[in-house]
């Protein structure tokens, strides 16, 4: 996977959900998770482009928080 702007990636995912007939509540749930999760993490770190490595680091950071 090449680098992609996180906001565009989220938009693509949301469009997929809409086109696939996902319930509005489900779409809103994921949008909230992404906005308060990976998007906030990347913003805090000054990262604009998403890569799998960024995703892995985000997941690792959330696991460390759960252990606290």
PDB file of N, CA and C in Angstrom:
ATOM      1  N   UNK A   1       0.846  -1.177   0.000  1.00  0.00           N
ATOM      2  CA  UNK A   1       0.000   0.000   0.000  1.00  0.00           C
ATOM      3  C   UNK A   1       0.890   1.239   0.000  1.00  0.00           C
ATOM      4  N   UNK A   2       0.571   2.163  -0.863  1.00  0.00           N
ATOM      5  CA  UNK A   2       1.328   3.408  -0.882  1.00  0.00           C
ATOM      6  C   UNK A   2       0.755   4.381   0.138  1.00  0.00           C
ATOM      7  N   UNK A   3       1.480   5.449   0.354  1.00  0.00           N
ATOM      8  CA  UNK A   3       1.013   6.473   1.291  1.00  0.00           C
ATOM      9  C   UNK A   3      -0.260   7.109   0.752  1.00  0.00           C
ATOM     10  N   UNK A   4      -1.206   7.376   1.650  1.00  0.00           N
ATOM     11  CA  UNK A   4      -2.456   8.025   1.260  1.00  0.00           C
ATOM     12  C   UNK A   4      -2.851   8.989   2.375  1.00  0.00           C
ATOM     13  N   UNK A   5      -3.415  10.129   1.985  1.00  0.00           N
ATOM     14  CA  UNK A   5      -3.870  11.092   2.983  1.00  0.00           C
ATOM     15  C   UNK A   5      -4.988  10.453   3.800  1.00  0.00           C
ATOM     16  N   UNK A   6      -4.881  10.518   5.124  1.00  0.00           N
ATOM     17  CA  UNK A   6      -5.824   9.819   6.005  1.00  0.00           C
ATOM     18  C   UNK A   6      -7.261  10.276   5.779  1.00  0.00           C
ATOM     19  N   UNK A   7      -7.474  11.557   5.544  1.00  0.00           N
ATOM     20  CA  UNK A   7      -8.843  12.041   5.325  1.00  0.00           C
ATOM     21  C   UNK A   7      -9.439  11.449   4.059  1.00  0.00           C
ATOM     22  N   UNK A   8      -8.616  11.284   3.023  1.00  0.00           N
ATOM     23  CA  UNK A   8      -9.101  10.663   1.784  1.00  0.00           C
ATOM     24  C   UNK A   8      -9.408   9.176   2.007  1.00  0.00           C
ATOM     25  N   UNK A   9      -8.568   8.517   2.789  1.00  0.00           N
ATOM     26  CA  UNK A   9      -8.782   7.108   3.085  1.00  0.00           C
ATOM     27  C   UNK A   9     -10.092   6.912   3.853  1.00  0.00           C
ATOM     28  N   UNK A  10     -10.324   7.753   4.842  1.00  0.00           N
ATOM     29  CA  UNK A  10     -11.576   7.673   5.599  1.00  0.00           C
ATOM     30  C   UNK A  10     -12.765   7.934   4.684  1.00  0.00           C
ATOM     31  N   UNK A  11     -12.648   8.933   3.819  1.00  0.00           N
ATOM     32  CA  UNK A  11     -13.724   9.242   2.872  1.00  0.00           C
ATOM     33  C   UNK A  11     -14.008   8.058   1.961  1.00  0.00           C
ATOM     34  N   UNK A  12     -12.960   7.394   1.472  1.00  0.00           N
ATOM     35  CA  UNK A  12     -13.137   6.220   0.619  1.00  0.00           C
ATOM     36  C   UNK A  12     -13.852   5.099   1.370  1.00  0.00           C
ATOM     37  N   UNK A  13     -13.468   4.890   2.619  1.00  0.00           N
ATOM     38  CA  UNK A  13     -14.108   3.851   3.432  1.00  0.00           C
ATOM     39  C   UNK A  13     -15.578   4.168   3.666  1.00  0.00           C
ATOM     40  N   UNK A  14     -15.869   5.416   3.993  1.00  0.00           N
ATOM     41  CA  UNK A  14     -17.256   5.815   4.223  1.00  0.00           C
ATOM     42  C   UNK A  14     -18.083   5.660   2.947  1.00  0.00           C
ATOM     43  N   UNK A  15     -17.530   6.054   1.811  1.00  0.00           N
ATOM     44  CA  UNK A  15     -18.235   5.883   0.539  1.00  0.00           C
ATOM     45  C   UNK A  15     -18.519   4.414   0.269  1.00  0.00           C
ATOM     46  N   UNK A  16     -17.561   3.551   0.570  1.00  0.00           N
ATOM     47  CA  UNK A  16     -17.771   2.116   0.402  1.00  0.00           C
ATOM     48  C   UNK A  16     -18.933   1.647   1.275  1.00  0.00           C
ATOM     49  N   UNK A  17     -18.960   2.094   2.524  1.00  0.00           N
ATOM     50  CA  UNK A  17     -20.045   1.710   3.432  1.00  0.00           C
ATOM     51  C   UNK A  17     -21.397   2.164   2.895  1.00  0.00           C
ATOM     52  N   UNK A  18     -21.468   3.434   2.439  1.00  0.00           N
ATOM     53  CA  UNK A  18     -22.730   3.958   1.888  1.00  0.00           C
ATOM     54  C   UNK A  18     -23.171   3.138   0.683  1.00  0.00           C
ATOM     55  N   UNK A  19     -22.236   2.902  -0.249  1.00  0.00           N
ATOM     56  CA  UNK A  19     -22.555   2.159  -1.474  1.00  0.00           C
ATOM     57  C   UNK A  19     -22.927   0.709  -1.192  1.00  0.00           C
ATOM     58  N   UNK A  20     -22.407   0.157  -0.117  1.00  0.00           N
ATOM     59  CA  UNK A  20     -22.674  -1.242   0.221  1.00  0.00           C
ATOM     60  C   UNK A  20     -23.919  -1.407   1.085  1.00  0.00           C
ATOM     61  N   UNK A  21     -24.569  -0.292   1.416  1.00  0.00           N
ATOM     62  CA  UNK A  21     -25.830  -0.368   2.137  1.00  0.00           C
ATOM     63  C   UNK A  21     -25.708  -0.537   3.643  1.00  0.00           C
ATOM     64  N   UNK A  22     -24.573  -0.172   4.197  1.00  0.00           N
ATOM     65  CA  UNK A  22     -24.436  -0.245   5.656  1.00  0.00           C
ATOM     66  C   UNK A  22     -25.420   0.718   6.314  1.00  0.00           C
ATOM     67  N   UNK A  23     -25.877   0.374   7.493  1.00  0.00           N
ATOM     68  CA  UNK A  23     -26.810   1.218   8.245  1.00  0.00           C
ATOM     69  C   UNK A  23     -26.118   2.518   8.653  1.00  0.00           C
ATOM     70  N   UNK A  24     -26.882   3.601   8.679  1.00  0.00           N
ATOM     71  CA  UNK A  24     -26.339   4.904   9.035  1.00  0.00           C
ATOM     72  C   UNK A  24     -25.663   4.871  10.404  1.00  0.00           C
ATOM     73  N   UNK A  25     -26.264   4.185  11.360  1.00  0.00           N
ATOM     74  CA  UNK A  25     -25.681   4.087  12.696  1.00  0.00           C
ATOM     75  C   UNK A  25     -24.307   3.429  12.682  1.00  0.00           C
ATOM     76  N   UNK A  26     -24.149   2.417  11.863  1.00  0.00           N
ATOM     77  CA  UNK A  26     -22.865   1.733  11.737  1.00  0.00           C
ATOM     78  C   UNK A  26     -21.828   2.662  11.119  1.00  0.00           C
ATOM     79  N   UNK A  27     -22.228   3.364  10.074  1.00  0.00           N
ATOM     80  CA  UNK A  27     -21.325   4.302   9.408  1.00  0.00           C
ATOM     81  C   UNK A  27     -20.910   5.398  10.374  1.00  0.00           C
ATOM     82  N   UNK A  28     -21.859   5.951  11.107  1.00  0.00           N
ATOM     83  CA  UNK A  28     -21.554   6.999  12.080  1.00  0.00           C
ATOM     84  C   UNK A  28     -20.612   6.496  13.171  1.00  0.00           C
ATOM     85  N   UNK A  29     -20.809   5.259  13.589  1.00  0.00           N
ATOM     86  CA  UNK A  29     -19.959   4.661  14.611  1.00  0.00           C
ATOM     87  C   UNK A  29     -18.499   4.611  14.139  1.00  0.00           C
ATOM     88  N   UNK A  30     -18.281   4.087  12.937  1.00  0.00           N
ATOM     89  CA  UNK A  30     -16.921   3.986  12.416  1.00  0.00           C
ATOM     90  C   UNK A  30     -16.316   5.357  12.153  1.00  0.00           C
ATOM     91  N   UNK A  31     -17.115   6.271  11.646  1.00  0.00           N
ATOM     92  CA  UNK A  31     -16.627   7.630  11.404  1.00  0.00           C
ATOM     93  C   UNK A  31     -16.139   8.248  12.715  1.00  0.00           C
ATOM     94  N   UNK A  32     -16.888   8.065  13.780  1.00  0.00           N
ATOM     95  CA  UNK A  32     -16.504   8.576  15.094  1.00  0.00           C
ATOM     96  C   UNK A  32     -15.215   7.908  15.578  1.00  0.00           C
ATOM     97  N   UNK A  33     -15.127   6.601  15.435  1.00  0.00           N
ATOM     98  CA  UNK A  33     -13.914   5.880  15.840  1.00  0.00           C
ATOM     99  C   UNK A  33     -12.688   6.398  15.094  1.00  0.00           C
ATOM    100  N   UNK A  34     -12.816   6.543  13.791  1.00  0.00           N
ATOM    101  CA  UNK A  34     -11.678   7.002  12.990  1.00  0.00           C
ATOM    102  C   UNK A  34     -11.302   8.432  13.324  1.00  0.00           C
ATOM    103  N   UNK A  35     -12.302   9.282  13.525  1.00  0.00           N
ATOM    104  CA  UNK A  35     -12.036  10.690  13.820  1.00  0.00           C
ATOM    105  C   UNK A  35     -11.363  10.853  15.173  1.00  0.00           C
ATOM    106  N   UNK A  36     -11.860  10.147  16.170  1.00  0.00           N
ATOM    107  CA  UNK A  36     -11.309  10.273  17.524  1.00  0.00           C
ATOM    108  C   UNK A  36     -10.111   9.353  17.749  1.00  0.00           C
ATOM    109  N   UNK A  37      -9.875   8.461  16.819  1.00  0.00           N
ATOM    110  CA  UNK A  37      -8.783   7.504  16.956  1.00  0.00           C
ATOM    111  C   UNK A  37      -7.614   7.837  16.065  1.00  0.00           C
ATOM    112  N   UNK A  38      -7.565   7.199  14.906  1.00  0.00           N
ATOM    113  CA  UNK A  38      -6.405   7.308  14.025  1.00  0.00           C
ATOM    114  C   UNK A  38      -6.200   8.730  13.529  1.00  0.00           C
ATOM    115  N   UNK A  39      -7.264   9.441  13.202  1.00  0.00           N
ATOM    116  CA  UNK A  39      -7.121  10.813  12.708  1.00  0.00           C
ATOM    117  C   UNK A  39      -6.536  11.721  13.781  1.00  0.00           C
ATOM    118  N   UNK A  40      -7.018  11.597  15.002  1.00  0.00           N
ATOM    119  CA  UNK A  40      -6.494  12.405  16.103  1.00  0.00           C
ATOM    120  C   UNK A  40      -5.044  12.031  16.399  1.00  0.00           C
ATOM    121  N   UNK A  41      -4.749  10.744  16.397  1.00  0.00           N
ATOM    122  CA  UNK A  41      -3.378  10.268  16.626  1.00  0.00           C
ATOM    123  C   UNK A  41      -2.427  10.868  15.602  1.00  0.00           C
ATOM    124  N   UNK A  42      -2.809  10.791  14.331  1.00  0.00           N
ATOM    125  CA  UNK A  42      -1.943  11.305  13.278  1.00  0.00           C
ATOM    126  C   UNK A  42      -1.790  12.817  13.370  1.00  0.00           C
ATOM    127  N   UNK A  43      -2.857  13.504  13.691  1.00  0.00           N
ATOM    128  CA  UNK A  43      -2.805  14.955  13.851  1.00  0.00           C
ATOM    129  C   UNK A  43      -1.864  15.336  14.986  1.00  0.00           C
ATOM    130  N   UNK A  44      -1.992  14.646  16.106  1.00  0.00           N
ATOM    131  CA  UNK A  44      -1.126  14.910  17.268  1.00  0.00           C
ATOM    132  C   UNK A  44       0.351  14.685  16.942  1.00  0.00           C
ATOM    133  N   UNK A  45       0.624  13.722  16.066  1.00  0.00           N
ATOM    134  CA  UNK A  45       2.002  13.388  15.704  1.00  0.00           C
ATOM    135  C   UNK A  45       2.502  14.192  14.505  1.00  0.00           C
ATOM    136  N   UNK A  46       1.613  15.010  13.895  1.00  0.00           N
ATOM    137  CA  UNK A  46       2.007  15.788  12.723  1.00  0.00           C
ATOM    138  C   UNK A  46       2.180  14.942  11.474  1.00  0.00           C
ATOM    139  N   UNK A  47       1.426  13.849  11.391  1.00  0.00           N
ATOM    140  CA  UNK A  47       1.512  12.920  10.254  1.00  0.00           C
ATOM    141  C   UNK A  47       0.294  13.150   9.356  1.00  0.00           C
ATOM    142  N   UNK A  48       0.544  13.380   8.063  1.00  0.00           N
ATOM    143  CA  UNK A  48      -0.546  13.602   7.119  1.00  0.00           C
ATOM    144  C   UNK A  48      -0.880  12.370   6.292  1.00  0.00           C
ATOM    145  N   UNK A  49       0.139  11.570   6.008  1.00  0.00           N
ATOM    146  CA  UNK A  49      -0.042  10.446   5.104  1.00  0.00           C
ATOM    147  C   UNK A  49      -0.088   9.128   5.874  1.00  0.00           C
ATOM    148  N   UNK A  50      -1.114   8.337   5.588  1.00  0.00           N
ATOM    149  CA  UNK A  50      -1.279   7.037   6.236  1.00  0.00           C
ATOM    150  C   UNK A  50      -0.457   5.987   5.504  1.00  0.00           C
ATOM    151  N   UNK A  51       0.191   5.128   6.275  1.00  0.00           N
ATOM    152  CA  UNK A  51       0.851   3.917   5.766  1.00  0.00           C
ATOM    153  C   UNK A  51       0.520   2.800   6.756  1.00  0.00           C
ATOM    154  N   UNK A  52       0.672   1.551   6.349  1.00  0.00           N
ATOM    155  CA  UNK A  52       0.437   0.460   7.295  1.00  0.00           C
ATOM    156  C   UNK A  52       1.287   0.587   8.559  1.00  0.00           C
ATOM    157  N   UNK A  53       2.487   1.131   8.431  1.00  0.00           N
ATOM    158  CA  UNK A  53       3.354   1.318   9.588  1.00  0.00           C
ATOM    159  C   UNK A  53       2.728   2.302  10.586  1.00  0.00           C
ATOM    160  N   UNK A  54       2.137   3.364  10.075  1.00  0.00           N
ATOM    161  CA  UNK A  54       1.455   4.335  10.943  1.00  0.00           C
ATOM    162  C   UNK A  54       0.296   3.640  11.660  1.00  0.00           C
ATOM    163  N   UNK A  55      -0.458   2.833  10.924  1.00  0.00           N
ATOM    164  CA  UNK A  55      -1.567   2.098  11.523  1.00  0.00           C
ATOM    165  C   UNK A  55      -1.097   1.162  12.630  1.00  0.00           C
ATOM    166  N   UNK A  56       0.001   0.488  12.383  1.00  0.00           N
ATOM    167  CA  UNK A  56       0.543  -0.437  13.388  1.00  0.00           C
ATOM    168  C   UNK A  56       0.986   0.322  14.637  1.00  0.00           C
ATOM    169  N   UNK A  57       1.617   1.472  14.440  1.00  0.00           N
ATOM    170  CA  UNK A  57       2.055   2.276  15.584  1.00  0.00           C
ATOM    171  C   UNK A  57       0.856   2.810  16.370  1.00  0.00           C
ATOM    172  N   UNK A  58      -0.204   3.173  15.657  1.00  0.00           N
ATOM    173  CA  UNK A  58      -1.424   3.631  16.333  1.00  0.00           C
ATOM    174  C   UNK A  58      -2.015   2.506  17.183  1.00  0.00           C
ATOM    175  N   UNK A  59      -2.129   1.331  16.611  1.00  0.00           N
ATOM    176  CA  UNK A  59      -2.683   0.188  17.352  1.00  0.00           C
ATOM    177  C   UNK A  59      -1.814  -0.107  18.576  1.00  0.00           C
ATOM    178  N   UNK A  60      -0.510  -0.086  18.382  1.00  0.00           N
ATOM    179  CA  UNK A  60       0.407  -0.330  19.500  1.00  0.00           C
ATOM    180  C   UNK A  60       0.189   0.711  20.599  1.00  0.00           C
ATOM    181  N   UNK A  61       0.002   1.967  20.223  1.00  0.00           N
ATOM    182  CA  UNK A  61      -0.200   3.018  21.227  1.00  0.00           C
ATOM    183  C   UNK A  61      -1.501   2.834  21.994  1.00  0.00           C
ATOM    184  N   UNK A  62      -2.532   2.329  21.327  1.00  0.00           N
ATOM    185  CA  UNK A  62      -3.808   2.121  22.025  1.00  0.00           C
ATOM    186  C   UNK A  62      -3.724   0.930  22.966  1.00  0.00           C
ATOM    187  N   UNK A  63      -2.931  -0.066  22.608  1.00  0.00           N
ATOM    188  CA  UNK A  63      -2.758  -1.226  23.479  1.00  0.00           C
ATOM    189  C   UNK A  63      -2.012  -0.846  24.740  1.00  0.00           C
ATOM    190  N   UNK A  64      -1.050   0.070  24.621  1.00  0.00           N
ATOM    191  CA  UNK A  64      -0.313   0.545  25.796  1.00  0.00           C
ATOM    192  C   UNK A  64      -1.232   1.335  26.723  1.00  0.00           C
ATOM    193  N   UNK A  65      -2.162   2.083  26.142  1.00  0.00           N
ATOM    194  CA  UNK A  65      -3.111   2.855  26.959  1.00  0.00           C
ATOM    195  C   UNK A  65      -4.044   1.923  27.716  1.00  0.00           C
ATOM    196  N   UNK A  66      -4.457   0.816  27.063  1.00  0.00           N
ATOM    197  CA  UNK A  66      -5.365  -0.131  27.706  1.00  0.00           C
ATOM    198  C   UNK A  66      -4.722  -0.799  28.902  1.00  0.00           C
ATOM    199  N   UNK A  67      -3.405  -0.928  28.891  1.00  0.00           N
ATOM    200  CA  UNK A  67      -2.695  -1.587  29.977  1.00  0.00           C
ATOM    201  C   UNK A  67      -2.481  -0.672  31.176  1.00  0.00           C
ATOM    202  N   UNK A  68      -2.669   0.620  30.979  1.00  0.00           N
ATOM    203  CA  UNK A  68      -2.437   1.584  32.079  1.00  0.00           C
ATOM    204  C   UNK A  68      -3.539   1.541  33.102  1.00  0.00           C
TER     205      UNK A  68
END
